[in-house]
Amino acid sequence: MTFPVTVDRDEDGVWIVECPSIPGCVSQGSTKAKALENIREAIKLCLEVRSERGMPLTVETCQVEVKA
């Protein structure tokens, strides 16, 4: 399975990665590569927990246009 993720860097230089289609699925790392490795594990664990609890595995995401 493939999931889109957002990648950002905080003021301390830590890489923050989030999977918008899985609420609360966030991870981090000292390098971008480590953060992406960590989000892969976080996604697996989040999917397991959501499945065990009978929750939908993902939520719908979409893009909206905003005119400036």
PDB file of N, CA and C in Angstrom:
ATOM      1  N   MET A   1       0.844  -1.175   0.000  1.00  0.00           N
ATOM      2  CA  MET A   1       0.000   0.000   0.000  1.00  0.00           C
ATOM      3  C   MET A   1       0.889   1.238   0.000  1.00  0.00           C
ATOM      4  N   THR A   2       0.418   2.248  -0.655  1.00  0.00           N
ATOM      5  CA  THR A   2       1.155   3.506  -0.726  1.00  0.00           C
ATOM      6  C   THR A   2       0.308   4.613  -0.123  1.00  0.00           C
ATOM      7  N   PHE A   3       0.914   5.428   0.720  1.00  0.00           N
ATOM      8  CA  PHE A   3       0.212   6.529   1.371  1.00  0.00           C
ATOM      9  C   PHE A   3       0.961   7.834   1.130  1.00  0.00           C
ATOM     10  N   PRO A   4       0.232   8.910   0.851  1.00  0.00           N
ATOM     11  CA  PRO A   4       0.903  10.212   0.790  1.00  0.00           C
ATOM     12  C   PRO A   4       1.269  10.655   2.206  1.00  0.00           C
ATOM     13  N   VAL A   5       2.403  11.320   2.343  1.00  0.00           N
ATOM     14  CA  VAL A   5       2.815  11.875   3.618  1.00  0.00           C
ATOM     15  C   VAL A   5       3.274  13.310   3.417  1.00  0.00           C
ATOM     16  N   THR A   6       3.178  14.092   4.480  1.00  0.00           N
ATOM     17  CA  THR A   6       3.745  15.435   4.461  1.00  0.00           C
ATOM     18  C   THR A   6       5.071  15.387   5.197  1.00  0.00           C
ATOM     19  N   VAL A   7       6.019  16.180   4.730  1.00  0.00           N
ATOM     20  CA  VAL A   7       7.347  16.221   5.335  1.00  0.00           C
ATOM     21  C   VAL A   7       7.676  17.675   5.633  1.00  0.00           C
ATOM     22  N   ASP A   8       8.058  17.946   6.877  1.00  0.00           N
ATOM     23  CA  ASP A   8       8.385  19.307   7.289  1.00  0.00           C
ATOM     24  C   ASP A   8       9.541  19.247   8.273  1.00  0.00           C
ATOM     25  N   ARG A   9      10.154  20.367   8.487  1.00  0.00           N
ATOM     26  CA  ARG A   9      11.255  20.451   9.435  1.00  0.00           C
ATOM     27  C   ARG A   9      10.907  21.507  10.478  1.00  0.00           C
ATOM     28  N   ASP A  10      11.059  21.170  11.754  1.00  0.00           N
ATOM     29  CA  ASP A  10      10.710  22.144  12.783  1.00  0.00           C
ATOM     30  C   ASP A  10      11.879  23.084  13.069  1.00  0.00           C
ATOM     31  N   GLU A  11      11.668  24.009  13.992  1.00  0.00           N
ATOM     32  CA  GLU A  11      12.679  25.028  14.286  1.00  0.00           C
ATOM     33  C   GLU A  11      13.961  24.465  14.882  1.00  0.00           C
ATOM     34  N   ASP A  12      13.908  23.245  15.394  1.00  0.00           N
ATOM     35  CA  ASP A  12      15.102  22.595  15.933  1.00  0.00           C
ATOM     36  C   ASP A  12      15.795  21.695  14.911  1.00  0.00           C
ATOM     37  N   GLY A  13      15.263  21.643  13.691  1.00  0.00           N
ATOM     38  CA  GLY A  13      15.864  20.831  12.645  1.00  0.00           C
ATOM     39  C   GLY A  13      15.376  19.399  12.596  1.00  0.00           C
ATOM     40  N   VAL A  14      14.402  19.055  13.421  1.00  0.00           N
ATOM     41  CA  VAL A  14      13.851  17.701  13.432  1.00  0.00           C
ATOM     42  C   VAL A  14      12.860  17.561  12.279  1.00  0.00           C
ATOM     43  N   TRP A  15      12.938  16.447  11.580  1.00  0.00           N
ATOM     44  CA  TRP A  15      12.020  16.180  10.471  1.00  0.00           C
ATOM     45  C   TRP A  15      10.727  15.587  11.018  1.00  0.00           C
ATOM     46  N   ILE A  16       9.606  16.173  10.641  1.00  0.00           N
ATOM     47  CA  ILE A  16       8.283  15.734  11.078  1.00  0.00           C
ATOM     48  C   ILE A  16       7.543  15.208   9.852  1.00  0.00           C
ATOM     49  N   VAL A  17       7.008  13.995   9.956  1.00  0.00           N
ATOM     50  CA  VAL A  17       6.291  13.380   8.838  1.00  0.00           C
ATOM     51  C   VAL A  17       4.909  12.964   9.332  1.00  0.00           C
ATOM     52  N   GLU A  18       3.899  13.254   8.528  1.00  0.00           N
ATOM     53  CA  GLU A  18       2.521  12.933   8.901  1.00  0.00           C
ATOM     54  C   GLU A  18       1.821  12.259   7.735  1.00  0.00           C
ATOM     55  N   CYS A  19       0.955  11.317   8.052  1.00  0.00           N
ATOM     56  CA  CYS A  19       0.139  10.650   7.042  1.00  0.00           C
ATOM     57  C   CYS A  19      -1.292  11.186   7.170  1.00  0.00           C
ATOM     58  N   PRO A  20      -1.694  12.130   6.331  1.00  0.00           N
ATOM     59  CA  PRO A  20      -2.999  12.774   6.484  1.00  0.00           C
ATOM     60  C   PRO A  20      -4.189  11.825   6.367  1.00  0.00           C
ATOM     61  N   SER A  21      -4.039  10.721   5.678  1.00  0.00           N
ATOM     62  CA  SER A  21      -5.175   9.822   5.507  1.00  0.00           C
ATOM     63  C   SER A  21      -5.383   8.890   6.706  1.00  0.00           C
ATOM     64  N   ILE A  22      -4.473   8.950   7.694  1.00  0.00           N
ATOM     65  CA  ILE A  22      -4.624   8.175   8.922  1.00  0.00           C
ATOM     66  C   ILE A  22      -4.527   9.168  10.089  1.00  0.00           C
ATOM     67  N   PRO A  23      -5.656   9.579  10.646  1.00  0.00           N
ATOM     68  CA  PRO A  23      -5.640  10.579  11.712  1.00  0.00           C
ATOM     69  C   PRO A  23      -4.710  10.198  12.863  1.00  0.00           C
ATOM     70  N   GLY A  24      -3.879  11.152  13.269  1.00  0.00           N
ATOM     71  CA  GLY A  24      -2.964  10.937  14.385  1.00  0.00           C
ATOM     72  C   GLY A  24      -1.692  10.192  14.042  1.00  0.00           C
ATOM     73  N   CYS A  25      -1.504   9.836  12.784  1.00  0.00           N
ATOM     74  CA  CYS A  25      -0.316   9.075  12.385  1.00  0.00           C
ATOM     75  C   CYS A  25       0.808  10.054  12.032  1.00  0.00           C
ATOM     76  N   VAL A  26       1.687  10.277  13.006  1.00  0.00           N
ATOM     77  CA  VAL A  26       2.776  11.246  12.889  1.00  0.00           C
ATOM     78  C   VAL A  26       4.047  10.601  13.417  1.00  0.00           C
ATOM     79  N   SER A  27       5.175  10.938  12.808  1.00  0.00           N
ATOM     80  CA  SER A  27       6.450  10.471  13.316  1.00  0.00           C
ATOM     81  C   SER A  27       7.498  11.540  13.059  1.00  0.00           C
ATOM     82  N   GLN A  28       8.709  11.265  13.485  1.00  0.00           N
ATOM     83  CA  GLN A  28       9.787  12.233  13.302  1.00  0.00           C
ATOM     84  C   GLN A  28      11.117  11.515  13.224  1.00  0.00           C
ATOM     85  N   GLY A  29      12.152  12.270  12.880  1.00  0.00           N
ATOM     86  CA  GLY A  29      13.492  11.725  12.840  1.00  0.00           C
ATOM     87  C   GLY A  29      14.515  12.829  12.735  1.00  0.00           C
ATOM     88  N   SER A  30      15.746  12.521  13.080  1.00  0.00           N
ATOM     89  CA  SER A  30      16.810  13.518  13.026  1.00  0.00           C
ATOM     90  C   SER A  30      17.242  13.800  11.596  1.00  0.00           C
ATOM     91  N   THR A  31      16.962  12.859  10.694  1.00  0.00           N
ATOM     92  CA  THR A  31      17.209  13.069   9.263  1.00  0.00           C
ATOM     93  C   THR A  31      15.909  12.784   8.514  1.00  0.00           C
ATOM     94  N   LYS A  32      15.829  13.282   7.309  1.00  0.00           N
ATOM     95  CA  LYS A  32      14.638  13.028   6.500  1.00  0.00           C
ATOM     96  C   LYS A  32      14.469  11.529   6.259  1.00  0.00           C
ATOM     97  N   ALA A  33      15.561  10.844   5.958  1.00  0.00           N
ATOM     98  CA  ALA A  33      15.504   9.400   5.712  1.00  0.00           C
ATOM     99  C   ALA A  33      15.006   8.651   6.941  1.00  0.00           C
ATOM    100  N   LYS A  34      15.481   9.031   8.125  1.00  0.00           N
ATOM    101  CA  LYS A  34      15.051   8.359   9.359  1.00  0.00           C
ATOM    102  C   LYS A  34      13.584   8.650   9.635  1.00  0.00           C
ATOM    103  N   ALA A  35      13.150   9.878   9.384  1.00  0.00           N
ATOM    104  CA  ALA A  35      11.746  10.233   9.592  1.00  0.00           C
ATOM    105  C   ALA A  35      10.849   9.422   8.662  1.00  0.00           C
ATOM    106  N   LEU A  36      11.258   9.229   7.417  1.00  0.00           N
ATOM    107  CA  LEU A  36      10.463   8.438   6.476  1.00  0.00           C
ATOM    108  C   LEU A  36      10.456   6.970   6.882  1.00  0.00           C
ATOM    109  N   GLU A  37      11.568   6.476   7.378  1.00  0.00           N
ATOM    110  CA  GLU A  37      11.622   5.099   7.891  1.00  0.00           C
ATOM    111  C   GLU A  37      10.656   4.953   9.076  1.00  0.00           C
ATOM    112  N   ASN A  38      10.666   5.941   9.956  1.00  0.00           N
ATOM    113  CA  ASN A  38       9.813   5.892  11.148  1.00  0.00           C
ATOM    114  C   ASN A  38       8.328   5.980  10.800  1.00  0.00           C
ATOM    115  N   ILE A  39       7.968   6.786   9.787  1.00  0.00           N
ATOM    116  CA  ILE A  39       6.542   6.906   9.442  1.00  0.00           C
ATOM    117  C   ILE A  39       6.046   5.599   8.830  1.00  0.00           C
ATOM    118  N   ARG A  40       6.899   4.879   8.145  1.00  0.00           N
ATOM    119  CA  ARG A  40       6.484   3.574   7.607  1.00  0.00           C
ATOM    120  C   ARG A  40       6.042   2.653   8.744  1.00  0.00           C
ATOM    121  N   GLU A  41       6.828   2.621   9.809  1.00  0.00           N
ATOM    122  CA  GLU A  41       6.491   1.800  10.969  1.00  0.00           C
ATOM    123  C   GLU A  41       5.237   2.341  11.657  1.00  0.00           C
ATOM    124  N   ALA A  42       5.138   3.656  11.779  1.00  0.00           N
ATOM    125  CA  ALA A  42       3.966   4.264  12.413  1.00  0.00           C
ATOM    126  C   ALA A  42       2.694   3.934  11.629  1.00  0.00           C
ATOM    127  N   ILE A  43       2.769   3.960  10.317  1.00  0.00           N
ATOM    128  CA  ILE A  43       1.607   3.640   9.487  1.00  0.00           C
ATOM    129  C   ILE A  43       1.166   2.201   9.746  1.00  0.00           C
ATOM    130  N   LYS A  44       2.120   1.278   9.747  1.00  0.00           N
ATOM    131  CA  LYS A  44       1.783  -0.125  10.014  1.00  0.00           C
ATOM    132  C   LYS A  44       1.081  -0.273  11.355  1.00  0.00           C
ATOM    133  N   LEU A  45       1.633   0.361  12.382  1.00  0.00           N
ATOM    134  CA  LEU A  45       1.053   0.244  13.726  1.00  0.00           C
ATOM    135  C   LEU A  45      -0.316   0.908  13.811  1.00  0.00           C
ATOM    136  N   CYS A  46      -0.464   2.077  13.197  1.00  0.00           N
ATOM    137  CA  CYS A  46      -1.762   2.761  13.203  1.00  0.00           C
ATOM    138  C   CYS A  46      -2.826   1.920  12.501  1.00  0.00           C
ATOM    139  N   LEU A  47      -2.474   1.310  11.388  1.00  0.00           N
ATOM    140  CA  LEU A  47      -3.430   0.468  10.668  1.00  0.00           C
ATOM    141  C   LEU A  47      -3.833  -0.740  11.519  1.00  0.00           C
ATOM    142  N   GLU A  48      -2.865  -1.335  12.229  1.00  0.00           N
ATOM    143  CA  GLU A  48      -3.169  -2.469  13.104  1.00  0.00           C
ATOM    144  C   GLU A  48      -4.162  -2.064  14.192  1.00  0.00           C
ATOM    145  N   VAL A  49      -3.896  -0.947  14.847  1.00  0.00           N
ATOM    146  CA  VAL A  49      -4.752  -0.492  15.937  1.00  0.00           C
ATOM    147  C   VAL A  49      -6.144  -0.153  15.424  1.00  0.00           C
ATOM    148  N   ARG A  50      -6.222   0.560  14.299  1.00  0.00           N
ATOM    149  CA  ARG A  50      -7.521   0.927  13.751  1.00  0.00           C
ATOM    150  C   ARG A  50      -8.311  -0.326  13.372  1.00  0.00           C
ATOM    151  N   SER A  51      -7.635  -1.328  12.827  1.00  0.00           N
ATOM    152  CA  SER A  51      -8.289  -2.584  12.467  1.00  0.00           C
ATOM    153  C   SER A  51      -8.809  -3.306  13.705  1.00  0.00           C
ATOM    154  N   GLU A  52      -7.971  -3.391  14.735  1.00  0.00           N
ATOM    155  CA  GLU A  52      -8.364  -4.060  15.979  1.00  0.00           C
ATOM    156  C   GLU A  52      -9.580  -3.402  16.618  1.00  0.00           C
ATOM    157  N   ARG A  53      -9.693  -2.095  16.466  1.00  0.00           N
ATOM    158  CA  ARG A  53     -10.793  -1.348  17.087  1.00  0.00           C
ATOM    159  C   ARG A  53     -12.018  -1.227  16.184  1.00  0.00           C
ATOM    160  N   GLY A  54     -11.937  -1.816  15.003  1.00  0.00           N
ATOM    161  CA  GLY A  54     -13.054  -1.764  14.071  1.00  0.00           C
ATOM    162  C   GLY A  54     -13.263  -0.400  13.443  1.00  0.00           C
ATOM    163  N   MET A  55     -12.225   0.400  13.431  1.00  0.00           N
ATOM    164  CA  MET A  55     -12.303   1.739  12.847  1.00  0.00           C
ATOM    165  C   MET A  55     -11.962   1.664  11.360  1.00  0.00           C
ATOM    166  N   PRO A  56     -12.444   2.620  10.569  1.00  0.00           N
ATOM    167  CA  PRO A  56     -12.000   2.658   9.172  1.00  0.00           C
ATOM    168  C   PRO A  56     -10.472   2.824   9.148  1.00  0.00           C
ATOM    169  N   LEU A  57      -9.817   2.142   8.229  1.00  0.00           N
ATOM    170  CA  LEU A  57      -8.357   2.218   8.193  1.00  0.00           C
ATOM    171  C   LEU A  57      -7.858   3.603   7.817  1.00  0.00           C
ATOM    172  N   THR A  58      -8.560   4.255   6.919  1.00  0.00           N
ATOM    173  CA  THR A  58      -8.149   5.587   6.474  1.00  0.00           C
ATOM    174  C   THR A  58      -9.368   6.499   6.392  1.00  0.00           C
ATOM    175  N   VAL A  59      -9.102   7.781   6.266  1.00  0.00           N
ATOM    176  CA  VAL A  59     -10.150   8.753   6.017  1.00  0.00           C
ATOM    177  C   VAL A  59      -9.896   9.364   4.642  1.00  0.00           C
ATOM    178  N   GLU A  60     -10.935   9.907   4.065  1.00  0.00           N
ATOM    179  CA  GLU A  60     -10.810  10.509   2.739  1.00  0.00           C
ATOM    180  C   GLU A  60     -10.002  11.790   2.808  1.00  0.00           C
ATOM    181  N   THR A  61      -9.099  11.953   1.877  1.00  0.00           N
ATOM    182  CA  THR A  61      -8.376  13.216   1.731  1.00  0.00           C
ATOM    183  C   THR A  61      -8.605  13.703   0.308  1.00  0.00           C
ATOM    184  N   CYS A  62      -8.539  14.987   0.132  1.00  0.00           N
ATOM    185  CA  CYS A  62      -8.658  15.578  -1.194  1.00  0.00           C
ATOM    186  C   CYS A  62      -7.944  16.908  -1.223  1.00  0.00           C
ATOM    187  N   GLN A  63      -7.868  17.467  -2.383  1.00  0.00           N
ATOM    188  CA  GLN A  63      -7.241  18.788  -2.528  1.00  0.00           C
ATOM    189  C   GLN A  63      -8.329  19.783  -2.892  1.00  0.00           C
ATOM    190  N   VAL A  64      -8.213  20.980  -2.370  1.00  0.00           N
ATOM    191  CA  VAL A  64      -9.147  22.044  -2.698  1.00  0.00           C
ATOM    192  C   VAL A  64      -8.378  23.214  -3.267  1.00  0.00           C
ATOM    193  N   GLU A  65      -8.992  23.919  -4.153  1.00  0.00           N
ATOM    194  CA  GLU A  65      -8.386  25.095  -4.751  1.00  0.00           C
ATOM    195  C   GLU A  65      -8.752  26.313  -3.926  1.00  0.00           C
ATOM    196  N   VAL A  66      -7.761  27.130  -3.636  1.00  0.00           N
ATOM    197  CA  VAL A  66      -7.979  28.380  -2.925  1.00  0.00           C
ATOM    198  C   VAL A  66      -7.452  29.488  -3.822  1.00  0.00           C
ATOM    199  N   LYS A  67      -8.316  30.407  -4.174  1.00  0.00           N
ATOM    200  CA  LYS A  67      -7.895  31.521  -5.028  1.00  0.00           C
ATOM    201  C   LYS A  67      -7.356  32.636  -4.157  1.00  0.00           C
ATOM    202  N   ALA A  68      -6.168  33.062  -4.479  1.00  0.00           N
ATOM    203  CA  ALA A  68      -5.516  34.125  -3.690  1.00  0.00           C
ATOM    204  C   ALA A  68      -5.901  35.501  -4.190  1.00  0.00           C
TER     205      ALA A  68
END
